[in-house]
Structures are given as structure tokens and as C-alpha cells.
PDB file of N, CA and C in Angstrom:
ATOM      1  N   UNK A   1     -14.657   4.684  -3.139  1.00  0.00           N
ATOM      2  CA  UNK A   1     -14.526   5.523  -2.125  1.00  0.00           C
ATOM      3  C   UNK A   1     -12.726   4.852  -2.072  1.00  0.00           C
ATOM      4  N   UNK A   2     -12.113   5.256  -1.354  1.00  0.00           N
ATOM      5  CA  UNK A   2     -11.123   5.191  -0.533  1.00  0.00           C
ATOM      6  C   UNK A   2     -10.986   4.334   0.326  1.00  0.00           C
ATOM      7  N   UNK A   3     -10.294   3.472   0.328  1.00  0.00           N
ATOM      8  CA  UNK A   3      -9.971   2.297   1.489  1.00  0.00           C
ATOM      9  C   UNK A   3      -8.698   2.476   2.184  1.00  0.00           C
ATOM     10  N   UNK A   4      -8.531   2.821   3.445  1.00  0.00           N
ATOM     11  CA  UNK A   4      -7.557   3.416   4.585  1.00  0.00           C
ATOM     12  C   UNK A   4      -6.800   2.057   5.307  1.00  0.00           C
ATOM     13  N   UNK A   5      -7.436   0.558   4.918  1.00  0.00           N
ATOM     14  CA  UNK A   5      -6.341  -0.409   5.426  1.00  0.00           C
ATOM     15  C   UNK A   5      -6.181  -1.198   4.660  1.00  0.00           C
ATOM     16  N   UNK A   6      -4.989  -1.880   4.689  1.00  0.00           N
ATOM     17  CA  UNK A   6      -4.658  -2.631   4.056  1.00  0.00           C
ATOM     18  C   UNK A   6      -4.030  -4.027   4.817  1.00  0.00           C
ATOM     19  N   UNK A   7      -3.806  -4.962   3.798  1.00  0.00           N
ATOM     20  CA  UNK A   7      -3.317  -5.932   4.974  1.00  0.00           C
ATOM     21  C   UNK A   7      -2.085  -6.631   4.166  1.00  0.00           C
ATOM     22  N   UNK A   8      -0.803  -6.277   4.812  1.00  0.00           N
ATOM     23  CA  UNK A   8       0.193  -6.508   4.306  1.00  0.00           C
ATOM     24  C   UNK A   8       0.786  -7.798   4.368  1.00  0.00           C
ATOM     25  N   UNK A   9       1.564  -8.226   3.439  1.00  0.00           N
ATOM     26  CA  UNK A   9       2.517  -9.596   4.030  1.00  0.00           C
ATOM     27  C   UNK A   9       3.969  -9.236   3.977  1.00  0.00           C
ATOM     28  N   UNK A  10       4.769  -9.531   4.778  1.00  0.00           N
ATOM     29  CA  UNK A  10       6.235  -9.308   4.473  1.00  0.00           C
ATOM     30  C   UNK A  10       6.743 -10.453   4.065  1.00  0.00           C
ATOM     31  N   UNK A  11       7.661  -9.918   2.725  1.00  0.00           N
ATOM     32  CA  UNK A  11       8.077 -10.521   1.921  1.00  0.00           C
ATOM     33  C   UNK A  11       9.415 -11.479   2.153  1.00  0.00           C
ATOM     34  N   UNK A  12      10.110 -11.352   3.614  1.00  0.00           N
ATOM     35  CA  UNK A  12      11.265 -12.349   4.204  1.00  0.00           C
ATOM     36  C   UNK A  12      10.414 -13.223   5.299  1.00  0.00           C
ATOM     37  N   UNK A  13       9.359 -13.310   5.933  1.00  0.00           N
ATOM     38  CA  UNK A  13       8.758 -14.397   6.847  1.00  0.00           C
ATOM     39  C   UNK A  13       7.100 -14.870   6.797  1.00  0.00           C
ATOM     40  N   UNK A  14       6.719 -13.829   5.257  1.00  0.00           N
ATOM     41  CA  UNK A  14       4.947 -14.208   5.113  1.00  0.00           C
ATOM     42  C   UNK A  14       4.224 -13.791   6.197  1.00  0.00           C
ATOM     43  N   UNK A  15       4.387 -12.645   7.245  1.00  0.00           N
ATOM     44  CA  UNK A  15       3.575 -12.366   8.710  1.00  0.00           C
ATOM     45  C   UNK A  15       2.908 -11.621   7.654  1.00  0.00           C
ATOM     46  N   UNK A  16       1.885 -11.676   8.297  1.00  0.00           N
ATOM     47  CA  UNK A  16       0.464 -10.809   8.008  1.00  0.00           C
ATOM     48  C   UNK A  16      -0.037  -9.868   8.732  1.00  0.00           C
ATOM     49  N   UNK A  17      -0.098  -8.674   8.512  1.00  0.00           N
ATOM     50  CA  UNK A  17      -0.889  -7.682   9.265  1.00  0.00           C
ATOM     51  C   UNK A  17      -1.497  -6.582   8.318  1.00  0.00           C
ATOM     52  N   UNK A  18      -2.705  -6.854   9.267  1.00  0.00           N
ATOM     53  CA  UNK A  18      -3.596  -5.397   8.754  1.00  0.00           C
ATOM     54  C   UNK A  18      -2.835  -3.969   9.558  1.00  0.00           C
ATOM     55  N   UNK A  19      -2.609  -3.153   8.251  1.00  0.00           N
ATOM     56  CA  UNK A  19      -2.561  -1.475   8.771  1.00  0.00           C
ATOM     57  C   UNK A  19      -3.398  -0.765   8.356  1.00  0.00           C
ATOM     58  N   UNK A  20      -3.162   0.316   9.033  1.00  0.00           N
ATOM     59  CA  UNK A  20      -4.251   1.699   8.453  1.00  0.00           C
ATOM     60  C   UNK A  20      -3.062   2.657   7.611  1.00  0.00           C
ATOM     61  N   UNK A  21      -3.320   3.111   6.408  1.00  0.00           N
ATOM     62  CA  UNK A  21      -2.483   3.693   5.639  1.00  0.00           C
ATOM     63  C   UNK A  21      -2.736   5.321   5.973  1.00  0.00           C
ATOM     64  N   UNK A  22      -1.860   6.004   5.550  1.00  0.00           N
ATOM     65  CA  UNK A  22      -1.445   7.334   5.551  1.00  0.00           C
ATOM     66  C   UNK A  22      -2.759   7.999   4.469  1.00  0.00           C
ATOM     67  N   UNK A  23      -3.536   8.718   4.395  1.00  0.00           N
ATOM     68  CA  UNK A  23      -4.541   9.292   3.597  1.00  0.00           C
ATOM     69  C   UNK A  23      -3.872  10.169   2.572  1.00  0.00           C
ATOM     70  N   UNK A  24      -2.597  11.224   3.181  1.00  0.00           N
ATOM     71  CA  UNK A  24      -1.962  11.968   1.852  1.00  0.00           C
ATOM     72  C   UNK A  24      -0.421  11.370   1.660  1.00  0.00           C
ATOM     73  N   UNK A  25       0.207  10.593   1.695  1.00  0.00           N
ATOM     74  CA  UNK A  25       1.514  10.257   1.700  1.00  0.00           C
ATOM     75  C   UNK A  25       1.873   8.521   1.442  1.00  0.00           C
ATOM     76  N   UNK A  26       2.841   8.278   0.647  1.00  0.00           N
ATOM     77  CA  UNK A  26       3.031   6.999   0.027  1.00  0.00           C
ATOM     78  C   UNK A  26       4.131   6.036   1.828  1.00  0.00           C
ATOM     79  N   UNK A  27       4.444   5.285   2.107  1.00  0.00           N
ATOM     80  CA  UNK A  27       4.562   5.094   2.825  1.00  0.00           C
ATOM     81  C   UNK A  27       6.183   3.928   2.271  1.00  0.00           C
ATOM     82  N   UNK A  28       7.546   4.750   2.371  1.00  0.00           N
ATOM     83  CA  UNK A  28       8.309   3.825   1.985  1.00  0.00           C
ATOM     84  C   UNK A  28       9.097   2.936   2.522  1.00  0.00           C
ATOM     85  N   UNK A  29       8.897   2.894   3.620  1.00  0.00           N
ATOM     86  CA  UNK A  29       9.577   1.466   4.775  1.00  0.00           C
ATOM     87  C   UNK A  29       8.522   1.178   5.714  1.00  0.00           C
ATOM     88  N   UNK A  30       8.696  -0.540   6.194  1.00  0.00           N
ATOM     89  CA  UNK A  30       7.885  -0.624   6.987  1.00  0.00           C
ATOM     90  C   UNK A  30       8.016  -1.539   7.807  1.00  0.00           C
ATOM     91  N   UNK A  31       8.412  -1.509   8.598  1.00  0.00           N
ATOM     92  CA  UNK A  31       8.830  -3.012   9.803  1.00  0.00           C
ATOM     93  C   UNK A  31       8.252  -4.296  10.250  1.00  0.00           C
ATOM     94  N   UNK A  32       8.405  -5.209   9.597  1.00  0.00           N
ATOM     95  CA  UNK A  32       7.708  -6.109   9.889  1.00  0.00           C
ATOM     96  C   UNK A  32       7.402  -6.527  11.139  1.00  0.00           C
ATOM     97  N   UNK A  33       6.276  -6.830  11.595  1.00  0.00           N
ATOM     98  CA  UNK A  33       5.896  -7.087  12.950  1.00  0.00           C
ATOM     99  C   UNK A  33       6.274  -8.549  13.466  1.00  0.00           C
ATOM    100  N   UNK A  34       6.839  -9.725  12.577  1.00  0.00           N
ATOM    101  CA  UNK A  34       7.033 -10.813  12.642  1.00  0.00           C
ATOM    102  C   UNK A  34       8.135 -10.517  13.120  1.00  0.00           C
ATOM    103  N   UNK A  35       9.145 -10.457  12.155  1.00  0.00           N
ATOM    104  CA  UNK A  35      10.454 -10.826  11.906  1.00  0.00           C
ATOM    105  C   UNK A  35      10.812  -9.063  12.051  1.00  0.00           C
ATOM    106  N   UNK A  36      11.233  -8.455  11.991  1.00  0.00           N
ATOM    107  CA  UNK A  36      11.900  -6.907  12.234  1.00  0.00           C
ATOM    108  C   UNK A  36      12.389  -6.330  10.742  1.00  0.00           C
ATOM    109  N   UNK A  37      12.108  -7.356   9.928  1.00  0.00           N
ATOM    110  CA  UNK A  37      12.877  -6.770   8.520  1.00  0.00           C
ATOM    111  C   UNK A  37      12.183  -5.178   7.949  1.00  0.00           C
ATOM    112  N   UNK A  38      12.937  -4.547   7.290  1.00  0.00           N
ATOM    113  CA  UNK A  38      12.438  -3.481   6.681  1.00  0.00           C
ATOM    114  C   UNK A  38      12.223  -3.778   5.529  1.00  0.00           C
ATOM    115  N   UNK A  39      10.923  -3.481   5.546  1.00  0.00           N
ATOM    116  CA  UNK A  39      10.288  -3.667   3.877  1.00  0.00           C
ATOM    117  C   UNK A  39      10.586  -2.420   3.150  1.00  0.00           C
ATOM    118  N   UNK A  40      10.639  -2.633   1.474  1.00  0.00           N
ATOM    119  CA  UNK A  40      10.868  -1.562   0.950  1.00  0.00           C
ATOM    120  C   UNK A  40      10.048  -1.315   0.023  1.00  0.00           C
ATOM    121  N   UNK A  41       9.467  -1.050  -1.024  1.00  0.00           N
ATOM    122  CA  UNK A  41       8.539  -0.672  -2.206  1.00  0.00           C
ATOM    123  C   UNK A  41       9.604  -2.216  -3.231  1.00  0.00           C
ATOM    124  N   UNK A  42       8.636  -2.709  -4.330  1.00  0.00           N
ATOM    125  CA  UNK A  42       9.646  -3.208  -5.390  1.00  0.00           C
ATOM    126  C   UNK A  42       9.767  -2.139  -6.682  1.00  0.00           C
ATOM    127  N   UNK A  43      10.604  -2.014  -7.155  1.00  0.00           N
ATOM    128  CA  UNK A  43      10.692  -1.148  -8.291  1.00  0.00           C
ATOM    129  C   UNK A  43       9.338  -0.772  -9.375  1.00  0.00           C
ATOM    130  N   UNK A  44       9.633   0.245  -9.265  1.00  0.00           N
ATOM    131  CA  UNK A  44       8.051   0.577 -10.012  1.00  0.00           C
ATOM    132  C   UNK A  44       7.043   0.947  -9.285  1.00  0.00           C
ATOM    133  N   UNK A  45       6.863   0.480  -8.050  1.00  0.00           N
ATOM    134  CA  UNK A  45       5.870   1.027  -6.869  1.00  0.00           C
ATOM    135  C   UNK A  45       6.245   1.906  -5.848  1.00  0.00           C
ATOM    136  N   UNK A  46       5.275   3.115  -5.549  1.00  0.00           N
ATOM    137  CA  UNK A  46       5.325   4.186  -4.519  1.00  0.00           C
ATOM    138  C   UNK A  46       5.818   3.822  -3.406  1.00  0.00           C
ATOM    139  N   UNK A  47       4.939   2.467  -2.751  1.00  0.00           N
ATOM    140  CA  UNK A  47       4.829   2.688  -1.516  1.00  0.00           C
ATOM    141  C   UNK A  47       5.006   1.190  -0.920  1.00  0.00           C
ATOM    142  N   UNK A  48       5.010   0.622   0.105  1.00  0.00           N
ATOM    143  CA  UNK A  48       5.217  -0.703   0.379  1.00  0.00           C
ATOM    144  C   UNK A  48       3.824  -1.171   0.662  1.00  0.00           C
ATOM    145  N   UNK A  49       2.724  -0.676   0.743  1.00  0.00           N
ATOM    146  CA  UNK A  49       1.398  -1.011   0.577  1.00  0.00           C
ATOM    147  C   UNK A  49       1.064  -1.589  -1.140  1.00  0.00           C
ATOM    148  N   UNK A  50       1.443  -0.563  -1.884  1.00  0.00           N
ATOM    149  CA  UNK A  50       1.682  -1.100  -3.158  1.00  0.00           C
ATOM    150  C   UNK A  50       1.828  -1.962  -3.844  1.00  0.00           C
ATOM    151  N   UNK A  51       3.375  -3.065  -3.030  1.00  0.00           N
ATOM    152  CA  UNK A  51       4.056  -3.774  -3.111  1.00  0.00           C
ATOM    153  C   UNK A  51       3.412  -4.710  -2.567  1.00  0.00           C
ATOM    154  N   UNK A  52       3.325  -5.095  -1.712  1.00  0.00           N
ATOM    155  CA  UNK A  52       2.800  -6.261  -0.816  1.00  0.00           C
ATOM    156  C   UNK A  52       1.625  -5.955   0.189  1.00  0.00           C
ATOM    157  N   UNK A  53       0.950  -5.230  -0.557  1.00  0.00           N
ATOM    158  CA  UNK A  53      -1.069  -4.719   0.566  1.00  0.00           C
ATOM    159  C   UNK A  53      -1.579  -5.795  -0.482  1.00  0.00           C
ATOM    160  N   UNK A  54      -2.928  -5.845   0.038  1.00  0.00           N
ATOM    161  CA  UNK A  54      -3.723  -6.020  -0.800  1.00  0.00           C
ATOM    162  C   UNK A  54      -4.919  -4.669  -1.237  1.00  0.00           C
ATOM    163  N   UNK A  55      -4.156  -3.696  -0.545  1.00  0.00           N
ATOM    164  CA  UNK A  55      -5.055  -2.506  -1.025  1.00  0.00           C
ATOM    165  C   UNK A  55      -4.164  -2.059  -1.612  1.00  0.00           C
ATOM    166  N   UNK A  56      -3.936  -1.106  -2.702  1.00  0.00           N
ATOM    167  CA  UNK A  56      -2.944   0.098  -3.137  1.00  0.00           C
ATOM    168  C   UNK A  56      -3.126   1.311  -2.065  1.00  0.00           C
ATOM    169  N   UNK A  57      -1.942   2.266  -2.163  1.00  0.00           N
ATOM    170  CA  UNK A  57      -2.254   3.261  -1.043  1.00  0.00           C
ATOM    171  C   UNK A  57      -3.157   4.432  -1.579  1.00  0.00           C
ATOM    172  N   UNK A  58      -3.883   5.001  -0.401  1.00  0.00           N
ATOM    173  CA  UNK A  58      -4.899   6.236  -1.053  1.00  0.00           C
ATOM    174  C   UNK A  58      -4.270   7.104  -2.037  1.00  0.00           C
ATOM    175  N   UNK A  59      -3.070   7.652  -2.034  1.00  0.00           N
ATOM    176  CA  UNK A  59      -2.455   8.472  -3.424  1.00  0.00           C
ATOM    177  C   UNK A  59      -2.922   7.708  -4.564  1.00  0.00           C
ATOM    178  N   UNK A  60      -2.857   6.277  -4.694  1.00  0.00           N
ATOM    179  CA  UNK A  60      -2.586   5.764  -5.935  1.00  0.00           C
ATOM    180  C   UNK A  60      -4.305   5.491  -6.333  1.00  0.00           C
ATOM    181  N   UNK A  61      -4.960   4.882  -4.921  1.00  0.00           N
ATOM    182  CA  UNK A  61      -6.536   4.654  -5.248  1.00  0.00           C
ATOM    183  C   UNK A  61      -7.090   6.184  -5.573  1.00  0.00           C
ATOM    184  N   UNK A  62      -6.859   7.512  -5.245  1.00  0.00           N
ATOM    185  CA  UNK A  62      -7.271   8.744  -5.657  1.00  0.00           C
ATOM    186  C   UNK A  62      -7.200   8.453  -7.308  1.00  0.00           C
ATOM    187  N   UNK A  63      -5.616   8.668  -7.611  1.00  0.00           N
ATOM    188  CA  UNK A  63      -5.727   8.787  -9.387  1.00  0.00           C
ATOM    189  C   UNK A  63      -6.525   8.071  -9.777  1.00  0.00           C
ATOM    190  N   UNK A  64      -6.493   6.403  -9.253  1.00  0.00           N
ATOM    191  CA  UNK A  64      -7.444   5.354 -10.145  1.00  0.00           C
ATOM    192  C   UNK A  64      -8.681   5.999 -10.102  1.00  0.00           C
ATOM    193  N   UNK A  65      -8.936   6.491  -8.943  1.00  0.00           N
ATOM    194  CA  UNK A  65     -10.884   6.828  -9.305  1.00  0.00           C
ATOM    195  C   UNK A  65     -10.645   8.011 -10.084  1.00  0.00           C
ATOM    196  N   UNK A  66      -9.715   8.863 -10.394  1.00  0.00           N
ATOM    197  CA  UNK A  66      -9.749  10.314 -11.197  1.00  0.00           C
ATOM    198  C   UNK A  66      -9.793   9.738 -12.514  1.00  0.00           C
ATOM    199  N   UNK A  67      -9.145   8.616 -12.987  1.00  0.00           N
ATOM    200  CA  UNK A  67      -8.562   8.156 -14.133  1.00  0.00           C
ATOM    201  C   UNK A  67     -10.148   7.124 -14.649  1.00  0.00           C
ATOM    202  N   UNK A  68     -10.734   6.765 -13.818  1.00  0.00           N
ATOM    203  CA  UNK A  68     -12.110   6.012 -13.750  1.00  0.00           C
ATOM    204  C   UNK A  68     -13.079   6.939 -13.953  1.00  0.00           C
ATOM    205  N   UNK A  69     -13.363   8.227 -13.236  1.00  0.00           N
ATOM    206  CA  UNK A  69     -13.870   8.919 -13.689  1.00  0.00           C
ATOM    207  C   UNK A  69     -13.881   9.932 -15.099  1.00  0.00           C
ATOM    208  N   UNK A  70     -12.872   9.657 -15.524  1.00  0.00           N
ATOM    209  CA  UNK A  70     -12.739  10.807 -16.176  1.00  0.00           C
ATOM    210  C   UNK A  70     -13.099   9.709 -17.771  1.00  0.00           C
ATOM    211  N   UNK A  71     -12.979   8.285 -17.970  1.00  0.00           N
ATOM    212  CA  UNK A  71     -13.396   7.404 -18.827  1.00  0.00           C
ATOM    213  C   UNK A  71     -14.998   7.610 -19.171  1.00  0.00           C
ATOM    214  N   UNK A  72     -15.397   7.648 -18.011  1.00  0.00           N
ATOM    215  CA  UNK A  72     -16.987   7.858 -17.706  1.00  0.00           C
ATOM    216  C   UNK A  72     -17.620   9.464 -18.659  1.00  0.00           C
ATOM    217  N   UNK A  73     -16.820   9.699 -18.513  1.00  0.00           N
ATOM    218  CA  UNK A  73     -17.818  11.370 -19.118  1.00  0.00           C
ATOM    219  C   UNK A  73     -17.468  11.368 -20.745  1.00  0.00           C
TER     220      UNK A  73
END
């Protein structure tokens, strides 16, 4: 089941915020609600949720589910 909310932690000030993620897109920029810092993904990640969230973005979740489904067959 795809989760659509992730708790993101700002790497600058450690402010934590629960955010809704878009179903079909990766979020490349996120403005911290605590300090205003513009958060960008770390190298190798597609979006800020994959780098700083407790749940990966929906496109990555879908990809992971399809890989798991392939292994189970």
C-alpha cells in the first residue's frame, strides 16, 4: 500500500513537519517551515522525501512494490 504522508526533518535546523506527497512526482525542493532553508535531495536520491523523510516518495514506493511482486512470483 502506497503511503502519501511523510515526516520530513530539515537538515539545517532539525524542524520536523508531516507533509503530503504528490502521487506521481518527486519533490526536488522543499522550504523548511521552521527556518526557511531550501532543502534539496542528497546525491543519489530523487527527492527530499527520499533523503529527509521517514517514508520514501510514492514513485519509489511503487517501484519497490513492483520489485517485491516480481520476486514473489
